[in-house]
Amino acid sequence: SHAVMLASPADLHDFALGFGLTEGLLAH
């Protein structure tokens, strides 16, 4: 587990990808 955030339950895949990239957990 890395984080719990408030978000709209739409487009969850995009939300996860954006979080991973922004936080440096994913390089691409």
mmCIF file of all heavy atoms, coordinates in Angstrom:
data_MODEL
# 
_entry.id   MODEL 
# 
loop_
_atom_site.group_PDB 
_atom_site.id 
_atom_site.type_symbol 
_atom_site.label_atom_id 
_atom_site.label_alt_id 
_atom_site.label_comp_id 
_atom_site.label_asym_id 
_atom_site.label_entity_id 
_atom_site.label_seq_id 
_atom_site.pdbx_PDB_ins_code 
_atom_site.Cartn_x 
_atom_site.Cartn_y 
_atom_site.Cartn_z 
_atom_site.occupancy 
_atom_site.B_iso_or_equiv 
_atom_site.pdbx_formal_charge 
_atom_site.auth_seq_id 
_atom_site.auth_comp_id 
_atom_site.auth_asym_id 
_atom_site.auth_atom_id 
_atom_site.pdbx_PDB_model_num 
ATOM 1   N N   . SER A 1 1  ? 0.841   -1.194 0.000   1.00 0.00 ? 1  SER A N   1 
ATOM 2   C CA  . SER A 1 1  ? 0.000   0.000  0.000   1.00 0.00 ? 1  SER A CA  1 
ATOM 3   C C   . SER A 1 1  ? 0.881   1.250  0.000   1.00 0.00 ? 1  SER A C   1 
ATOM 4   O O   . SER A 1 1  ? 1.810   1.364  0.795   1.00 0.00 ? 1  SER A O   1 
ATOM 5   C CB  . SER A 1 1  ? -0.907  -0.004 1.228   1.00 0.00 ? 1  SER A CB  1 
ATOM 6   O OG  . SER A 1 1  ? -1.725  1.139  1.223   1.00 0.00 ? 1  SER A OG  1 
ATOM 7   N N   . HIS A 1 2  ? 0.577   2.182  -0.921  1.00 0.00 ? 2  HIS A N   1 
ATOM 8   C CA  . HIS A 1 2  ? 1.380   3.409  -1.019  1.00 0.00 ? 2  HIS A CA  1 
ATOM 9   C C   . HIS A 1 2  ? 0.631   4.653  -0.588  1.00 0.00 ? 2  HIS A C   1 
ATOM 10  O O   . HIS A 1 2  ? 1.236   5.562  -0.038  1.00 0.00 ? 2  HIS A O   1 
ATOM 11  C CB  . HIS A 1 2  ? 1.911   3.595  -2.446  1.00 0.00 ? 2  HIS A CB  1 
ATOM 12  C CG  . HIS A 1 2  ? 3.099   2.757  -2.739  1.00 0.00 ? 2  HIS A CG  1 
ATOM 13  N ND1 . HIS A 1 2  ? 4.381   3.164  -2.490  1.00 0.00 ? 2  HIS A ND1 1 
ATOM 14  C CD2 . HIS A 1 2  ? 3.206   1.514  -3.220  1.00 0.00 ? 2  HIS A CD2 1 
ATOM 15  C CE1 . HIS A 1 2  ? 5.229   2.206  -2.819  1.00 0.00 ? 2  HIS A CE1 1 
ATOM 16  N NE2 . HIS A 1 2  ? 4.534   1.190  -3.259  1.00 0.00 ? 2  HIS A NE2 1 
ATOM 17  N N   . ALA A 1 3  ? -0.668  4.717  -0.873  1.00 0.00 ? 3  ALA A N   1 
ATOM 18  C CA  . ALA A 1 3  ? -1.404  5.936  -0.550  1.00 0.00 ? 3  ALA A CA  1 
ATOM 19  C C   . ALA A 1 3  ? -2.898  5.668  -0.615  1.00 0.00 ? 3  ALA A C   1 
ATOM 20  O O   . ALA A 1 3  ? -3.357  4.747  -1.290  1.00 0.00 ? 3  ALA A O   1 
ATOM 21  C CB  . ALA A 1 3  ? -1.047  7.051  -1.534  1.00 0.00 ? 3  ALA A CB  1 
ATOM 22  N N   . VAL A 1 4  ? -3.632  6.502  0.109   1.00 0.00 ? 4  VAL A N   1 
ATOM 23  C CA  . VAL A 1 4  ? -5.084  6.560  -0.020  1.00 0.00 ? 4  VAL A CA  1 
ATOM 24  C C   . VAL A 1 4  ? -5.419  8.012  -0.302  1.00 0.00 ? 4  VAL A C   1 
ATOM 25  O O   . VAL A 1 4  ? -4.988  8.914  0.418   1.00 0.00 ? 4  VAL A O   1 
ATOM 26  C CB  . VAL A 1 4  ? -5.803  6.089  1.265   1.00 0.00 ? 4  VAL A CB  1 
ATOM 27  C CG1 . VAL A 1 4  ? -7.308  6.238  1.110   1.00 0.00 ? 4  VAL A CG1 1 
ATOM 28  C CG2 . VAL A 1 4  ? -5.430  4.653  1.593   1.00 0.00 ? 4  VAL A CG2 1 
ATOM 29  N N   . MET A 1 5  ? -6.143  8.218  -1.389  1.00 0.00 ? 5  MET A N   1 
ATOM 30  C CA  . MET A 1 5  ? -6.478  9.580  -1.812  1.00 0.00 ? 5  MET A CA  1 
ATOM 31  C C   . MET A 1 5  ? -7.963  9.659  -2.101  1.00 0.00 ? 5  MET A C   1 
ATOM 32  O O   . MET A 1 5  ? -8.598  8.660  -2.424  1.00 0.00 ? 5  MET A O   1 
ATOM 33  C CB  . MET A 1 5  ? -5.681  9.950  -3.064  1.00 0.00 ? 5  MET A CB  1 
ATOM 34  C CG  . MET A 1 5  ? -4.181  9.858  -2.868  1.00 0.00 ? 5  MET A CG  1 
ATOM 35  S SD  . MET A 1 5  ? -3.264  10.225 -4.360  1.00 0.00 ? 5  MET A SD  1 
ATOM 36  C CE  . MET A 1 5  ? -3.593  11.958 -4.522  1.00 0.00 ? 5  MET A CE  1 
ATOM 37  N N   . LEU A 1 6  ? -8.523  10.858 -2.044  1.00 0.00 ? 6  LEU A N   1 
ATOM 38  C CA  . LEU A 1 6  ? -9.894  11.073 -2.483  1.00 0.00 ? 6  LEU A CA  1 
ATOM 39  C C   . LEU A 1 6  ? -9.874  11.334 -3.972  1.00 0.00 ? 6  LEU A C   1 
ATOM 40  O O   . LEU A 1 6  ? -9.076  12.138 -4.465  1.00 0.00 ? 6  LEU A O   1 
ATOM 41  C CB  . LEU A 1 6  ? -10.527 12.259 -1.753  1.00 0.00 ? 6  LEU A CB  1 
ATOM 42  C CG  . LEU A 1 6  ? -10.935 12.018 -0.315  1.00 0.00 ? 6  LEU A CG  1 
ATOM 43  C CD1 . LEU A 1 6  ? -11.507 13.290 0.299   1.00 0.00 ? 6  LEU A CD1 1 
ATOM 44  C CD2 . LEU A 1 6  ? -11.939 10.885 -0.207  1.00 0.00 ? 6  LEU A CD2 1 
ATOM 45  N N   . ALA A 1 7  ? -10.756 10.649 -4.690  1.00 0.00 ? 7  ALA A N   1 
ATOM 46  C CA  . ALA A 1 7  ? -10.813 10.821 -6.141  1.00 0.00 ? 7  ALA A CA  1 
ATOM 47  C C   . ALA A 1 7  ? -12.195 10.441 -6.639  1.00 0.00 ? 7  ALA A C   1 
ATOM 48  O O   . ALA A 1 7  ? -12.948 9.738  -5.961  1.00 0.00 ? 7  ALA A O   1 
ATOM 49  C CB  . ALA A 1 7  ? -9.760  9.945  -6.818  1.00 0.00 ? 7  ALA A CB  1 
ATOM 50  N N   . SER A 1 8  ? -12.497 10.891 -7.828  1.00 0.00 ? 8  SER A N   1 
ATOM 51  C CA  . SER A 1 8  ? -13.723 10.465 -8.497  1.00 0.00 ? 8  SER A CA  1 
ATOM 52  C C   . SER A 1 8  ? -13.533 9.013  -8.920  1.00 0.00 ? 8  SER A C   1 
ATOM 53  O O   . SER A 1 8  ? -12.461 8.634  -9.382  1.00 0.00 ? 8  SER A O   1 
ATOM 54  C CB  . SER A 1 8  ? -13.966 11.344 -9.731  1.00 0.00 ? 8  SER A CB  1 
ATOM 55  O OG  . SER A 1 8  ? -15.032 10.825 -10.473 1.00 0.00 ? 8  SER A OG  1 
ATOM 56  N N   . PRO A 1 9  ? -14.571 8.179  -8.767  1.00 0.00 ? 9  PRO A N   1 
ATOM 57  C CA  . PRO A 1 9  ? -14.399 6.770  -9.121  1.00 0.00 ? 9  PRO A CA  1 
ATOM 58  C C   . PRO A 1 9  ? -14.442 6.494  -10.621 1.00 0.00 ? 9  PRO A C   1 
ATOM 59  O O   . PRO A 1 9  ? -14.595 5.360  -11.039 1.00 0.00 ? 9  PRO A O   1 
ATOM 60  C CB  . PRO A 1 9  ? -15.558 6.087  -8.391  1.00 0.00 ? 9  PRO A CB  1 
ATOM 61  C CG  . PRO A 1 9  ? -16.591 7.136  -8.252  1.00 0.00 ? 9  PRO A CG  1 
ATOM 62  C CD  . PRO A 1 9  ? -15.849 8.430  -8.129  1.00 0.00 ? 9  PRO A CD  1 
ATOM 63  N N   . ALA A 1 10 ? -14.269 7.506  -11.440 1.00 0.00 ? 10 ALA A N   1 
ATOM 64  C CA  . ALA A 1 10 ? -14.216 7.326  -12.892 1.00 0.00 ? 10 ALA A CA  1 
ATOM 65  C C   . ALA A 1 10 ? -12.757 7.322  -13.338 1.00 0.00 ? 10 ALA A C   1 
ATOM 66  O O   . ALA A 1 10 ? -11.898 7.941  -12.709 1.00 0.00 ? 10 ALA A O   1 
ATOM 67  C CB  . ALA A 1 10 ? -14.964 8.462  -13.595 1.00 0.00 ? 10 ALA A CB  1 
ATOM 68  N N   . ASP A 1 11 ? -12.448 6.610  -14.395 1.00 0.00 ? 11 ASP A N   1 
ATOM 69  C CA  . ASP A 1 11 ? -11.108 6.594  -14.993 1.00 0.00 ? 11 ASP A CA  1 
ATOM 70  C C   . ASP A 1 11 ? -10.028 6.188  -13.986 1.00 0.00 ? 11 ASP A C   1 
ATOM 71  O O   . ASP A 1 11 ? -8.968  6.810  -13.899 1.00 0.00 ? 11 ASP A O   1 
ATOM 72  C CB  . ASP A 1 11 ? -10.770 7.953  -15.611 1.00 0.00 ? 11 ASP A CB  1 
ATOM 73  C CG  . ASP A 1 11 ? -11.793 8.372  -16.664 1.00 0.00 ? 11 ASP A CG  1 
ATOM 74  O OD1 . ASP A 1 11 ? -12.188 7.507  -17.467 1.00 0.00 ? 11 ASP A OD1 1 
ATOM 75  O OD2 . ASP A 1 11 ? -12.192 9.545  -16.669 1.00 0.00 ? 11 ASP A OD2 1 
ATOM 76  N N   . LEU A 1 12 ? -10.303 5.132  -13.241 1.00 0.00 ? 12 LEU A N   1 
ATOM 77  C CA  . LEU A 1 12 ? -9.369  4.706  -12.189 1.00 0.00 ? 12 LEU A CA  1 
ATOM 78  C C   . LEU A 1 12 ? -8.032  4.221  -12.742 1.00 0.00 ? 12 LEU A C   1 
ATOM 79  O O   . LEU A 1 12 ? -6.993  4.416  -12.123 1.00 0.00 ? 12 LEU A O   1 
ATOM 80  C CB  . LEU A 1 12 ? -10.020 3.623  -11.321 1.00 0.00 ? 12 LEU A CB  1 
ATOM 81  C CG  . LEU A 1 12 ? -11.193 4.111  -10.462 1.00 0.00 ? 12 LEU A CG  1 
ATOM 82  C CD1 . LEU A 1 12 ? -11.859 2.938  -9.757  1.00 0.00 ? 12 LEU A CD1 1 
ATOM 83  C CD2 . LEU A 1 12 ? -10.740 5.162  -9.467  1.00 0.00 ? 12 LEU A CD2 1 
ATOM 84  N N   . HIS A 1 13 ? -8.032  3.607  -13.924 1.00 0.00 ? 13 HIS A N   1 
ATOM 85  C CA  . HIS A 1 13 ? -6.771  3.162  -14.534 1.00 0.00 ? 13 HIS A CA  1 
ATOM 86  C C   . HIS A 1 13 ? -5.877  4.366  -14.817 1.00 0.00 ? 13 HIS A C   1 
ATOM 87  O O   . HIS A 1 13 ? -4.673  4.357  -14.487 1.00 0.00 ? 13 HIS A O   1 
ATOM 88  C CB  . HIS A 1 13 ? -7.049  2.370  -15.812 1.00 0.00 ? 13 HIS A CB  1 
ATOM 89  C CG  . HIS A 1 13 ? -5.823  1.778  -16.412 1.00 0.00 ? 13 HIS A CG  1 
ATOM 90  N ND1 . HIS A 1 13 ? -4.957  2.506  -17.206 1.00 0.00 ? 13 HIS A ND1 1 
ATOM 91  C CD2 . HIS A 1 13 ? -5.286  0.541  -16.325 1.00 0.00 ? 13 HIS A CD2 1 
ATOM 92  C CE1 . HIS A 1 13 ? -3.959  1.739  -17.593 1.00 0.00 ? 13 HIS A CE1 1 
ATOM 93  N NE2 . HIS A 1 13 ? -4.131  0.540  -17.071 1.00 0.00 ? 13 HIS A NE2 1 
ATOM 94  N N   . ASP A 1 14 ? -6.437  5.404  -15.409 1.00 0.00 ? 14 ASP A N   1 
ATOM 95  C CA  . ASP A 1 14 ? -5.663  6.615  -15.691 1.00 0.00 ? 14 ASP A CA  1 
ATOM 96  C C   . ASP A 1 14 ? -5.166  7.269  -14.403 1.00 0.00 ? 14 ASP A C   1 
ATOM 97  O O   . ASP A 1 14 ? -4.040  7.771  -14.343 1.00 0.00 ? 14 ASP A O   1 
ATOM 98  C CB  . ASP A 1 14 ? -6.502  7.616  -16.485 1.00 0.00 ? 14 ASP A CB  1 
ATOM 99  C CG  . ASP A 1 14 ? -6.803  7.144  -17.887 1.00 0.00 ? 14 ASP A CG  1 
ATOM 100 O OD1 . ASP A 1 14 ? -6.059  6.290  -18.406 1.00 0.00 ? 14 ASP A OD1 1 
ATOM 101 O OD2 . ASP A 1 14 ? -7.792  7.624  -18.477 1.00 0.00 ? 14 ASP A OD2 1 
ATOM 102 N N   . PHE A 1 15 ? -6.013  7.266  -13.380 1.00 0.00 ? 15 PHE A N   1 
ATOM 103 C CA  . PHE A 1 15 ? -5.627  7.826  -12.085 1.00 0.00 ? 15 PHE A CA  1 
ATOM 104 C C   . PHE A 1 15 ? -4.419  7.080  -11.521 1.00 0.00 ? 15 PHE A C   1 
ATOM 105 O O   . PHE A 1 15 ? -3.442  7.682  -11.064 1.00 0.00 ? 15 PHE A O   1 
ATOM 106 C CB  . PHE A 1 15 ? -6.814  7.756  -11.120 1.00 0.00 ? 15 PHE A CB  1 
ATOM 107 C CG  . PHE A 1 15 ? -6.511  8.242  -9.733  1.00 0.00 ? 15 PHE A CG  1 
ATOM 108 C CD1 . PHE A 1 15 ? -6.364  9.594  -9.462  1.00 0.00 ? 15 PHE A CD1 1 
ATOM 109 C CD2 . PHE A 1 15 ? -6.381  7.348  -8.686  1.00 0.00 ? 15 PHE A CD2 1 
ATOM 110 C CE1 . PHE A 1 15 ? -6.077  10.041 -8.183  1.00 0.00 ? 15 PHE A CE1 1 
ATOM 111 C CE2 . PHE A 1 15 ? -6.103  7.777  -7.401  1.00 0.00 ? 15 PHE A CE2 1 
ATOM 112 C CZ  . PHE A 1 15 ? -5.956  9.132  -7.154  1.00 0.00 ? 15 PHE A CZ  1 
ATOM 113 N N   . ALA A 1 16 ? -4.471  5.737  -11.567 1.00 0.00 ? 16 ALA A N   1 
ATOM 114 C CA  . ALA A 1 16 ? -3.376  4.913  -11.043 1.00 0.00 ? 16 ALA A CA  1 
ATOM 115 C C   . ALA A 1 16 ? -2.085  5.147  -11.822 1.00 0.00 ? 16 ALA A C   1 
ATOM 116 O O   . ALA A 1 16 ? -1.007  5.292  -11.234 1.00 0.00 ? 16 ALA A O   1 
ATOM 117 C CB  . ALA A 1 16 ? -3.769  3.442  -11.085 1.00 0.00 ? 16 ALA A CB  1 
ATOM 118 N N   . LEU A 1 17 ? -2.180  5.179  -13.142 1.00 0.00 ? 17 LEU A N   1 
ATOM 119 C CA  . LEU A 1 17 ? -0.996  5.413  -13.975 1.00 0.00 ? 17 LEU A CA  1 
ATOM 120 C C   . LEU A 1 17 ? -0.388  6.780  -13.689 1.00 0.00 ? 17 LEU A C   1 
ATOM 121 O O   . LEU A 1 17 ? 0.830   6.907  -13.494 1.00 0.00 ? 17 LEU A O   1 
ATOM 122 C CB  . LEU A 1 17 ? -1.347  5.279  -15.458 1.00 0.00 ? 17 LEU A CB  1 
ATOM 123 C CG  . LEU A 1 17 ? -0.223  5.580  -16.442 1.00 0.00 ? 17 LEU A CG  1 
ATOM 124 C CD1 . LEU A 1 17 ? 0.957   4.640  -16.235 1.00 0.00 ? 17 LEU A CD1 1 
ATOM 125 C CD2 . LEU A 1 17 ? -0.742  5.497  -17.875 1.00 0.00 ? 17 LEU A CD2 1 
ATOM 126 N N   . GLY A 1 18 ? -1.213  7.803  -13.636 1.00 0.00 ? 18 GLY A N   1 
ATOM 127 C CA  . GLY A 1 18 ? -0.723  9.157  -13.351 1.00 0.00 ? 18 GLY A CA  1 
ATOM 128 C C   . GLY A 1 18 ? -0.061  9.261  -11.996 1.00 0.00 ? 18 GLY A C   1 
ATOM 129 O O   . GLY A 1 18 ? 0.983   9.901  -11.846 1.00 0.00 ? 18 GLY A O   1 
ATOM 130 N N   . PHE A 1 19 ? -0.642  8.607  -10.998 1.00 0.00 ? 19 PHE A N   1 
ATOM 131 C CA  . PHE A 1 19 ? -0.044  8.618  -9.664  1.00 0.00 ? 19 PHE A CA  1 
ATOM 132 C C   . PHE A 1 19 ? 1.323   7.934  -9.691  1.00 0.00 ? 19 PHE A C   1 
ATOM 133 O O   . PHE A 1 19 ? 2.299   8.459  -9.157  1.00 0.00 ? 19 PHE A O   1 
ATOM 134 C CB  . PHE A 1 19 ? -0.974  7.918  -8.655  1.00 0.00 ? 19 PHE A CB  1 
ATOM 135 C CG  . PHE A 1 19 ? -0.404  7.884  -7.270  1.00 0.00 ? 19 PHE A CG  1 
ATOM 136 C CD1 . PHE A 1 19 ? -0.598  8.935  -6.401  1.00 0.00 ? 19 PHE A CD1 1 
ATOM 137 C CD2 . PHE A 1 19 ? 0.325   6.785  -6.833  1.00 0.00 ? 19 PHE A CD2 1 
ATOM 138 C CE1 . PHE A 1 19 ? -0.065  8.904  -5.119  1.00 0.00 ? 19 PHE A CE1 1 
ATOM 139 C CE2 . PHE A 1 19 ? 0.868   6.743  -5.558  1.00 0.00 ? 19 PHE A CE2 1 
ATOM 140 C CZ  . PHE A 1 19 ? 0.670   7.813  -4.696  1.00 0.00 ? 19 PHE A CZ  1 
ATOM 141 N N   . GLY A 1 20 ? 1.385   6.763  -10.313 1.00 0.00 ? 20 GLY A N   1 
ATOM 142 C CA  . GLY A 1 20 ? 2.639   6.015  -10.371 1.00 0.00 ? 20 GLY A CA  1 
ATOM 143 C C   . GLY A 1 20 ? 3.747   6.786  -11.067 1.00 0.00 ? 20 GLY A C   1 
ATOM 144 O O   . GLY A 1 20 ? 4.900   6.801  -10.613 1.00 0.00 ? 20 GLY A O   1 
ATOM 145 N N   . LEU A 1 21 ? 3.412   7.443  -12.154 1.00 0.00 ? 21 LEU A N   1 
ATOM 146 C CA  . LEU A 1 21 ? 4.404   8.234  -12.895 1.00 0.00 ? 21 LEU A CA  1 
ATOM 147 C C   . LEU A 1 21 ? 4.832   9.472  -12.111 1.00 0.00 ? 21 LEU A C   1 
ATOM 148 O O   . LEU A 1 21 ? 6.019   9.792  -12.013 1.00 0.00 ? 21 LEU A O   1 
ATOM 149 C CB  . LEU A 1 21 ? 3.853   8.633  -14.265 1.00 0.00 ? 21 LEU A CB  1 
ATOM 150 C CG  . LEU A 1 21 ? 3.663   7.493  -15.266 1.00 0.00 ? 21 LEU A CG  1 
ATOM 151 C CD1 . LEU A 1 21 ? 2.856   7.968  -16.464 1.00 0.00 ? 21 LEU A CD1 1 
ATOM 152 C CD2 . LEU A 1 21 ? 5.000   6.918  -15.699 1.00 0.00 ? 21 LEU A CD2 1 
ATOM 153 N N   . THR A 1 22 ? 3.870   10.179 -11.562 1.00 0.00 ? 22 THR A N   1 
ATOM 154 C CA  . THR A 1 22 ? 4.154   11.421 -10.837 1.00 0.00 ? 22 THR A CA  1 
ATOM 155 C C   . THR A 1 22 ? 4.994   11.178 -9.591  1.00 0.00 ? 22 THR A C   1 
ATOM 156 O O   . THR A 1 22 ? 5.890   11.956 -9.267  1.00 0.00 ? 22 THR A O   1 
ATOM 157 C CB  . THR A 1 22 ? 2.841   12.126 -10.449 1.00 0.00 ? 22 THR A CB  1 
ATOM 158 O OG1 . THR A 1 22 ? 2.098   12.381 -11.641 1.00 0.00 ? 22 THR A OG1 1 
ATOM 159 C CG2 . THR A 1 22 ? 3.094   13.422 -9.725  1.00 0.00 ? 22 THR A CG2 1 
ATOM 160 N N   . GLU A 1 23 ? 4.725   10.076 -8.884  1.00 0.00 ? 23 GLU A N   1 
ATOM 161 C CA  . GLU A 1 23 ? 5.446   9.777  -7.658  1.00 0.00 ? 23 GLU A CA  1 
ATOM 162 C C   . GLU A 1 23 ? 6.773   9.060  -7.904  1.00 0.00 ? 23 GLU A C   1 
ATOM 163 O O   . GLU A 1 23 ? 7.483   8.724  -6.965  1.00 0.00 ? 23 GLU A O   1 
ATOM 164 C CB  . GLU A 1 23 ? 4.565   8.935  -6.729  1.00 0.00 ? 23 GLU A CB  1 
ATOM 165 C CG  . GLU A 1 23 ? 3.356   9.687  -6.200  1.00 0.00 ? 23 GLU A CG  1 
ATOM 166 C CD  . GLU A 1 23 ? 3.737   10.905 -5.382  1.00 0.00 ? 23 GLU A CD  1 
ATOM 167 O OE1 . GLU A 1 23 ? 4.587   10.778 -4.473  1.00 0.00 ? 23 GLU A OE1 1 
ATOM 168 O OE2 . GLU A 1 23 ? 3.181   11.987 -5.645  1.00 0.00 ? 23 GLU A OE2 1 
ATOM 169 N N   . GLY A 1 24 ? 7.101   8.790  -9.175  1.00 0.00 ? 24 GLY A N   1 
ATOM 170 C CA  . GLY A 1 24 ? 8.361   8.137  -9.494  1.00 0.00 ? 24 GLY A CA  1 
ATOM 171 C C   . GLY A 1 24 ? 8.369   6.643  -9.225  1.00 0.00 ? 24 GLY A C   1 
ATOM 172 O O   . GLY A 1 24 ? 9.426   6.018  -9.213  1.00 0.00 ? 24 GLY A O   1 
ATOM 173 N N   . LEU A 1 25 ? 7.202   6.057  -9.016  1.00 0.00 ? 25 LEU A N   1 
ATOM 174 C CA  . LEU A 1 25 ? 7.110   4.610  -8.815  1.00 0.00 ? 25 LEU A CA  1 
ATOM 175 C C   . LEU A 1 25 ? 7.177   3.867  -10.146 1.00 0.00 ? 25 LEU A C   1 
ATOM 176 O O   . LEU A 1 25 ? 7.477   2.677  -10.174 1.00 0.00 ? 25 LEU A O   1 
ATOM 177 C CB  . LEU A 1 25 ? 5.810   4.272  -8.079  1.00 0.00 ? 25 LEU A CB  1 
ATOM 178 C CG  . LEU A 1 25 ? 5.671   4.916  -6.692  1.00 0.00 ? 25 LEU A CG  1 
ATOM 179 C CD1 . LEU A 1 25 ? 4.261   4.776  -6.167  1.00 0.00 ? 25 LEU A CD1 1 
ATOM 180 C CD2 . LEU A 1 25 ? 6.678   4.302  -5.736  1.00 0.00 ? 25 LEU A CD2 1 
ATOM 181 N N   . LEU A 1 26 ? 6.883   4.565  -11.222 1.00 0.00 ? 26 LEU A N   1 
ATOM 182 C CA  . LEU A 1 26 ? 6.976   4.030  -12.581 1.00 0.00 ? 26 LEU A CA  1 
ATOM 183 C C   . LEU A 1 26 ? 7.844   4.969  -13.406 1.00 0.00 ? 26 LEU A C   1 
ATOM 184 O O   . LEU A 1 26 ? 7.681   6.191  -13.335 1.00 0.00 ? 26 LEU A O   1 
ATOM 185 C CB  . LEU A 1 26 ? 5.589   3.941  -13.233 1.00 0.00 ? 26 LEU A CB  1 
ATOM 186 C CG  . LEU A 1 26 ? 4.527   3.109  -12.522 1.00 0.00 ? 26 LEU A CG  1 
ATOM 187 C CD1 . LEU A 1 26 ? 3.161   3.330  -13.178 1.00 0.00 ? 26 LEU A CD1 1 
ATOM 188 C CD2 . LEU A 1 26 ? 4.897   1.642  -12.548 1.00 0.00 ? 26 LEU A CD2 1 
ATOM 189 N N   . ALA A 1 27 ? 8.759   4.418  -14.194 1.00 0.00 ? 27 ALA A N   1 
ATOM 190 C CA  . ALA A 1 27 ? 9.597   5.241  -15.075 1.00 0.00 ? 27 ALA A CA  1 
ATOM 191 C C   . ALA A 1 27 ? 8.850   5.590  -16.356 1.00 0.00 ? 27 ALA A C   1 
ATOM 192 O O   . ALA A 1 27 ? 9.051   6.652  -16.930 1.00 0.00 ? 27 ALA A O   1 
ATOM 193 C CB  . ALA A 1 27 ? 10.897  4.521  -15.388 1.00 0.00 ? 27 ALA A CB  1 
ATOM 194 N N   . HIS A 1 28 ? 7.990   4.678  -16.807 1.00 0.00 ? 28 HIS A N   1 
ATOM 195 C CA  . HIS A 1 28 ? 7.192   4.912  -18.017 1.00 0.00 ? 28 HIS A CA  1 
ATOM 196 C C   . HIS A 1 28 ? 5.939   4.038  -17.947 1.00 0.00 ? 28 HIS A C   1 
ATOM 197 O O   . HIS A 1 28 ? 5.855   3.096  -17.139 1.00 0.00 ? 28 HIS A O   1 
ATOM 198 C CB  . HIS A 1 28 ? 7.989   4.639  -19.296 1.00 0.00 ? 28 HIS A CB  1 
ATOM 199 C CG  . HIS A 1 28 ? 8.590   3.274  -19.354 1.00 0.00 ? 28 HIS A CG  1 
ATOM 200 N ND1 . HIS A 1 28 ? 7.883   2.160  -19.739 1.00 0.00 ? 28 HIS A ND1 1 
ATOM 201 C CD2 . HIS A 1 28 ? 9.840   2.842  -19.041 1.00 0.00 ? 28 HIS A CD2 1 
ATOM 202 C CE1 . HIS A 1 28 ? 8.667   1.100  -19.677 1.00 0.00 ? 28 HIS A CE1 1 
ATOM 203 N NE2 . HIS A 1 28 ? 9.867   1.489  -19.250 1.00 0.00 ? 28 HIS A NE2 1 
# 
